[in-house]
């Protein structure tokens, strides 16, 4: 059985989205806000707020996305939703970046 260091390491699509979120934060903030609103509509804003408040005390603030409240909340929610919903959300992020003219290959070039 493979050992994964991070929760998203088991899925190449999620790994790609996390990388893209890191390098294209400004381009994805709007998509992250849409994701949050959809999850809140399905689960309930109070439940999401309660969950986020409970994990916020555990967050040390050292991760690259902790500096941005929208990204922090989005990634924490992405972490706990079922894997099939994670993949759908990840694919939506990638598809919306492509519409904006940003591809995973561009991100790889930027980090090289």
C-alpha atoms as a PDB file:
ATOM      1  CA  UNK A   1       0.000   0.000   0.000  1.00  0.00           C
ATOM      2  CA  UNK A   2       1.352   3.390  -0.961  1.00  0.00           C
ATOM      3  CA  UNK A   3       2.079   5.943   1.751  1.00  0.00           C
ATOM      4  CA  UNK A   4       0.815   9.434   1.015  1.00  0.00           C
ATOM      5  CA  UNK A   5       2.221  12.510   2.661  1.00  0.00           C
ATOM      6  CA  UNK A   6      -0.723  14.810   1.935  1.00  0.00           C
ATOM      7  CA  UNK A   7      -4.448  14.089   1.672  1.00  0.00           C
ATOM      8  CA  UNK A   8      -4.518  14.858  -2.056  1.00  0.00           C
ATOM      9  CA  UNK A   9      -1.438  12.845  -3.061  1.00  0.00           C
ATOM     10  CA  UNK A  10      -3.520   9.754  -3.837  1.00  0.00           C
ATOM     11  CA  UNK A  11      -5.196  11.445  -6.809  1.00  0.00           C
ATOM     12  CA  UNK A  12      -3.166  12.985  -9.662  1.00  0.00           C
ATOM     13  CA  UNK A  13      -6.068  15.282 -10.604  1.00  0.00           C
ATOM     14  CA  UNK A  14      -6.258  16.693  -7.076  1.00  0.00           C
ATOM     15  CA  UNK A  15      -2.482  17.116  -7.004  1.00  0.00           C
ATOM     16  CA  UNK A  16      -2.670  19.049 -10.258  1.00  0.00           C
ATOM     17  CA  UNK A  17      -5.427  21.311  -8.923  1.00  0.00           C
ATOM     18  CA  UNK A  18      -3.537  22.011  -5.710  1.00  0.00           C
ATOM     19  CA  UNK A  19      -0.484  22.998  -7.753  1.00  0.00           C
ATOM     20  CA  UNK A  20      -2.589  25.195  -9.990  1.00  0.00           C
ATOM     21  CA  UNK A  21      -4.295  26.794  -6.996  1.00  0.00           C
ATOM     22  CA  UNK A  22      -0.902  27.621  -5.577  1.00  0.00           C
ATOM     23  CA  UNK A  23       0.437  29.237  -8.740  1.00  0.00           C
ATOM     24  CA  UNK A  24      -2.772  30.797 -10.067  1.00  0.00           C
ATOM     25  CA  UNK A  25      -4.462  31.895  -6.845  1.00  0.00           C
ATOM     26  CA  UNK A  26      -5.774  35.166  -8.296  1.00  0.00           C
ATOM     27  CA  UNK A  27      -7.278  33.398 -11.310  1.00  0.00           C
ATOM     28  CA  UNK A  28      -9.032  30.799  -9.172  1.00  0.00           C
ATOM     29  CA  UNK A  29     -10.432  32.912  -6.338  1.00  0.00           C
ATOM     30  CA  UNK A  30     -13.708  33.386  -8.222  1.00  0.00           C
ATOM     31  CA  UNK A  31     -13.947  29.634  -8.878  1.00  0.00           C
ATOM     32  CA  UNK A  32     -13.196  28.933  -5.216  1.00  0.00           C
ATOM     33  CA  UNK A  33     -16.001  31.285  -4.177  1.00  0.00           C
ATOM     34  CA  UNK A  34     -18.416  29.518  -6.542  1.00  0.00           C
ATOM     35  CA  UNK A  35     -17.350  26.155  -5.101  1.00  0.00           C
ATOM     36  CA  UNK A  36     -17.944  27.423  -1.558  1.00  0.00           C
ATOM     37  CA  UNK A  37     -21.389  28.759  -2.405  1.00  0.00           C
ATOM     38  CA  UNK A  38     -22.409  25.465  -4.044  1.00  0.00           C
ATOM     39  CA  UNK A  39     -21.241  23.418  -1.063  1.00  0.00           C
ATOM     40  CA  UNK A  40     -23.001  25.819   1.313  1.00  0.00           C
ATOM     41  CA  UNK A  41     -26.210  25.499  -0.725  1.00  0.00           C
ATOM     42  CA  UNK A  42     -26.073  21.702  -0.537  1.00  0.00           C
ATOM     43  CA  UNK A  43     -24.906  21.262   3.049  1.00  0.00           C
ATOM     44  CA  UNK A  44     -25.918  24.490   4.733  1.00  0.00           C
ATOM     45  CA  UNK A  45     -23.882  27.587   5.527  1.00  0.00           C
ATOM     46  CA  UNK A  46     -24.182  27.053   9.297  1.00  0.00           C
ATOM     47  CA  UNK A  47     -22.693  23.562   9.065  1.00  0.00           C
ATOM     48  CA  UNK A  48     -19.829  24.776   6.875  1.00  0.00           C
ATOM     49  CA  UNK A  49     -19.133  27.736   9.174  1.00  0.00           C
ATOM     50  CA  UNK A  50     -19.217  25.472  12.232  1.00  0.00           C
ATOM     51  CA  UNK A  51     -16.840  22.961  10.629  1.00  0.00           C
ATOM     52  CA  UNK A  52     -14.421  25.640   9.507  1.00  0.00           C
ATOM     53  CA  UNK A  53     -14.389  27.281  12.950  1.00  0.00           C
ATOM     54  CA  UNK A  54     -13.579  23.925  14.539  1.00  0.00           C
ATOM     55  CA  UNK A  55     -10.639  23.208  12.222  1.00  0.00           C
ATOM     56  CA  UNK A  56      -9.363  26.771  12.232  1.00  0.00           C
ATOM     57  CA  UNK A  57      -8.059  26.309  15.778  1.00  0.00           C
ATOM     58  CA  UNK A  58      -5.976  23.380  14.511  1.00  0.00           C
ATOM     59  CA  UNK A  59      -4.533  25.322  11.576  1.00  0.00           C
ATOM     60  CA  UNK A  60      -1.115  26.742  12.328  1.00  0.00           C
ATOM     61  CA  UNK A  61      -1.237  29.075   9.349  1.00  0.00           C
ATOM     62  CA  UNK A  62       1.991  27.799   7.811  1.00  0.00           C
ATOM     63  CA  UNK A  63       0.518  26.411   4.604  1.00  0.00           C
ATOM     64  CA  UNK A  64       0.688  28.501   1.434  1.00  0.00           C
ATOM     65  CA  UNK A  65      -3.103  28.760   1.233  1.00  0.00           C
ATOM     66  CA  UNK A  66      -3.693  29.804   4.841  1.00  0.00           C
ATOM     67  CA  UNK A  67      -2.874  33.428   3.973  1.00  0.00           C
ATOM     68  CA  UNK A  68      -6.010  33.668   1.839  1.00  0.00           C
ATOM     69  CA  UNK A  69      -9.280  32.972   3.701  1.00  0.00           C
ATOM     70  CA  UNK A  70     -11.160  31.946   0.546  1.00  0.00           C
ATOM     71  CA  UNK A  71      -8.486  29.477  -0.516  1.00  0.00           C
ATOM     72  CA  UNK A  72      -8.039  28.174   3.005  1.00  0.00           C
ATOM     73  CA  UNK A  73     -11.747  27.520   3.410  1.00  0.00           C
ATOM     74  CA  UNK A  74     -12.065  26.028  -0.082  1.00  0.00           C
ATOM     75  CA  UNK A  75      -9.172  23.635   0.390  1.00  0.00           C
ATOM     76  CA  UNK A  76     -10.351  22.548   3.840  1.00  0.00           C
ATOM     77  CA  UNK A  77     -13.799  21.799   2.408  1.00  0.00           C
ATOM     78  CA  UNK A  78     -12.309  20.081  -0.618  1.00  0.00           C
ATOM     79  CA  UNK A  79     -10.348  17.899   1.780  1.00  0.00           C
ATOM     80  CA  UNK A  80     -13.436  16.563   3.584  1.00  0.00           C
ATOM     81  CA  UNK A  81     -15.962  16.107   0.788  1.00  0.00           C
ATOM     82  CA  UNK A  82     -16.426  12.642  -0.761  1.00  0.00           C
ATOM     83  CA  UNK A  83     -13.807  11.608  -3.352  1.00  0.00           C
ATOM     84  CA  UNK A  84     -16.257  11.700  -6.260  1.00  0.00           C
ATOM     85  CA  UNK A  85     -17.201  15.300  -5.394  1.00  0.00           C
ATOM     86  CA  UNK A  86     -13.495  16.159  -4.983  1.00  0.00           C
ATOM     87  CA  UNK A  87     -12.796  14.927  -8.507  1.00  0.00           C
ATOM     88  CA  UNK A  88     -15.756  16.841  -9.964  1.00  0.00           C
ATOM     89  CA  UNK A  89     -14.645  20.033  -8.243  1.00  0.00           C
ATOM     90  CA  UNK A  90     -11.048  19.492  -9.364  1.00  0.00           C
ATOM     91  CA  UNK A  91     -12.116  18.965 -12.964  1.00  0.00           C
ATOM     92  CA  UNK A  92     -14.278  22.098 -12.818  1.00  0.00           C
ATOM     93  CA  UNK A  93     -11.298  24.139 -11.582  1.00  0.00           C
ATOM     94  CA  UNK A  94      -9.138  22.843 -14.429  1.00  0.00           C
ATOM     95  CA  UNK A  95     -11.846  23.377 -17.052  1.00  0.00           C
ATOM     96  CA  UNK A  96     -12.409  26.954 -15.899  1.00  0.00           C
ATOM     97  CA  UNK A  97      -8.693  27.698 -16.017  1.00  0.00           C
ATOM     98  CA  UNK A  98      -8.551  26.397 -19.580  1.00  0.00           C
ATOM     99  CA  UNK A  99     -11.383  28.778 -20.490  1.00  0.00           C
ATOM    100  CA  UNK A 100      -9.174  31.570 -19.123  1.00  0.00           C
ATOM    101  CA  UNK A 101      -6.294  30.316 -21.267  1.00  0.00           C
ATOM    102  CA  UNK A 102      -4.318  28.759 -18.424  1.00  0.00           C
ATOM    103  CA  UNK A 103      -3.205  25.167 -18.861  1.00  0.00           C
ATOM    104  CA  UNK A 104      -1.401  22.753 -16.554  1.00  0.00           C
ATOM    105  CA  UNK A 105       1.555  22.902 -18.954  1.00  0.00           C
ATOM    106  CA  UNK A 106       1.859  26.664 -18.403  1.00  0.00           C
ATOM    107  CA  UNK A 107       2.041  26.059 -14.675  1.00  0.00           C
ATOM    108  CA  UNK A 108       4.814  23.490 -15.162  1.00  0.00           C
ATOM    109  CA  UNK A 109       6.758  25.953 -17.317  1.00  0.00           C
ATOM    110  CA  UNK A 110       6.410  28.625 -14.642  1.00  0.00           C
ATOM    111  CA  UNK A 111       7.874  26.347 -11.974  1.00  0.00           C
ATOM    112  CA  UNK A 112      10.779  25.111 -14.119  1.00  0.00           C
END
